[in-house]
């Protein structure tokens, strides 16, 4: 069964956005701060990225739906959009771990009991 063309296009855009090292670092930092997220200044400080560069990367991640932003007073708070990340991971997981079994699911998912 072929995946929905819109899903393929959306997934490609998201992977392209994650293809820049600073954007990947931003998403990782936001995941670590989930669910509250981080304000732009904290992201800038943690990753040592100039404000204008950070703004560009945050906007790209927001455009493809990987992060959300909310305003609180004069601060912008950014958070990882976990639904979008779940969709991205699921796109790969469906092929590698369920249909073709190229990678056994237990090699990726480790459940602690």
Protein backbone atom coordinates (compact mmCIF):
# COMPACT_ATOMS: atom_id res chain seq x y z
CA UNK A 1 0.00 0.00 0.00
CA UNK A 2 1.40 3.38 -0.99
CA UNK A 3 1.36 6.15 1.61
CA UNK A 4 -0.77 9.23 1.11
CA UNK A 5 1.11 11.68 -1.19
CA UNK A 6 0.34 14.57 1.17
CA UNK A 7 1.86 12.63 4.07
CA UNK A 8 4.96 11.92 1.99
CA UNK A 9 5.32 15.60 1.05
CA UNK A 10 4.79 16.78 4.64
CA UNK A 11 7.27 14.22 5.94
CA UNK A 12 9.88 15.26 3.36
CA UNK A 13 9.50 18.92 4.38
CA UNK A 14 9.92 18.02 8.02
CA UNK A 15 13.00 15.91 7.40
CA UNK A 16 14.45 18.74 5.30
CA UNK A 17 13.87 21.15 8.18
CA UNK A 18 15.62 18.78 10.57
CA UNK A 19 18.54 18.49 8.13
CA UNK A 20 20.16 21.63 9.55
CA UNK A 21 22.17 20.91 12.69
CA UNK A 22 20.92 23.96 14.63
CA UNK A 23 17.29 23.03 13.98
CA UNK A 24 17.89 19.47 15.11
CA UNK A 25 19.52 20.83 18.29
CA UNK A 26 16.53 23.13 18.86
CA UNK A 27 14.06 20.26 18.56
CA UNK A 28 16.11 18.13 20.95
CA UNK A 29 16.27 20.98 23.48
CA UNK A 30 12.51 21.49 23.21
CA UNK A 31 11.87 17.79 23.67
CA UNK A 32 14.02 17.86 26.80
CA UNK A 33 11.91 20.77 28.08
CA UNK A 34 8.58 19.13 27.20
CA UNK A 35 5.80 19.95 27.87
CA UNK A 36 6.49 23.49 29.06
CA UNK A 37 8.98 24.37 26.36
CA UNK A 38 11.58 27.10 26.42
CA UNK A 39 11.52 30.83 25.82
CA UNK A 40 13.57 32.08 22.89
CA UNK A 41 16.23 33.57 25.16
CA UNK A 42 16.78 30.25 26.92
CA UNK A 43 17.15 28.44 23.60
CA UNK A 44 19.61 31.07 22.43
CA UNK A 45 21.65 30.77 25.62
CA UNK A 46 21.62 26.97 25.67
CA UNK A 47 22.67 26.58 22.04
CA UNK A 48 24.80 29.75 21.73
CA UNK A 49 23.03 30.86 18.53
CA UNK A 50 22.78 34.54 17.52
CA UNK A 51 19.23 35.89 17.90
CA UNK A 52 18.69 36.54 14.18
CA UNK A 53 19.89 33.05 13.26
CA UNK A 54 17.77 31.47 15.97
CA UNK A 55 14.72 33.37 14.76
CA UNK A 56 15.24 32.00 11.24
CA UNK A 57 15.53 28.41 12.48
CA UNK A 58 12.52 28.70 14.79
CA UNK A 59 10.40 30.08 11.96
CA UNK A 60 11.35 27.19 9.66
CA UNK A 61 10.48 24.61 12.33
CA UNK A 62 7.19 26.38 12.98
CA UNK A 63 6.35 26.47 9.24
CA UNK A 64 6.61 22.70 8.95
CA UNK A 65 4.67 22.11 12.16
CA UNK A 66 7.48 20.66 14.29
CA UNK A 67 7.21 23.32 16.98
CA UNK A 68 4.55 25.60 18.40
CA UNK A 69 4.89 29.08 19.85
CA UNK A 70 2.87 30.93 22.45
CA UNK A 71 3.22 34.45 23.78
CA UNK A 72 3.28 35.11 27.50
CA UNK A 73 3.68 38.77 28.22
CA UNK A 74 6.76 39.89 26.28
CA UNK A 75 8.19 36.37 25.98
CA UNK A 76 7.77 33.83 23.19
CA UNK A 77 7.69 30.25 24.41
CA UNK A 78 8.47 27.42 22.01
CA UNK A 79 7.51 23.78 22.44
CA UNK A 80 7.99 20.60 20.44
CA UNK A 81 4.88 19.55 18.54
CA UNK A 82 4.84 15.93 19.64
CA UNK A 83 2.00 14.95 17.29
CA UNK A 84 4.09 15.99 14.29
CA UNK A 85 7.13 14.17 15.63
CA UNK A 86 5.03 11.06 16.26
CA UNK A 87 3.83 11.21 12.65
CA UNK A 88 7.41 11.62 11.40
CA UNK A 89 8.71 8.68 13.41
CA UNK A 90 5.68 6.59 12.53
CA UNK A 91 6.27 7.17 8.83
CA UNK A 92 9.65 5.44 9.07
CA UNK A 93 8.57 2.90 11.66
CA UNK A 94 5.72 1.63 9.47
CA UNK A 95 8.14 0.61 6.75
CA UNK A 96 11.20 -0.50 8.66
CA UNK A 97 9.61 -2.23 11.59
CA UNK A 98 6.16 -3.46 10.64
CA UNK A 99 5.86 -4.23 6.95
CA UNK A 100 9.40 -5.16 5.94
CA UNK A 101 10.76 -5.87 9.44
CA UNK A 102 14.13 -4.51 8.27
CA UNK A 103 14.63 -3.42 11.87
CA UNK A 104 12.96 -5.42 14.63
CA UNK A 105 10.64 -3.19 16.70
CA UNK A 106 12.31 -4.28 19.92
CA UNK A 107 15.59 -2.81 18.61
CA UNK A 108 13.95 0.64 18.71
CA UNK A 109 11.34 0.51 21.47
CA UNK A 110 12.54 -0.44 24.91
CA UNK A 111 9.80 -0.78 27.49
CA UNK A 112 10.79 -0.69 31.14
CA UNK A 113 8.61 -2.79 33.37
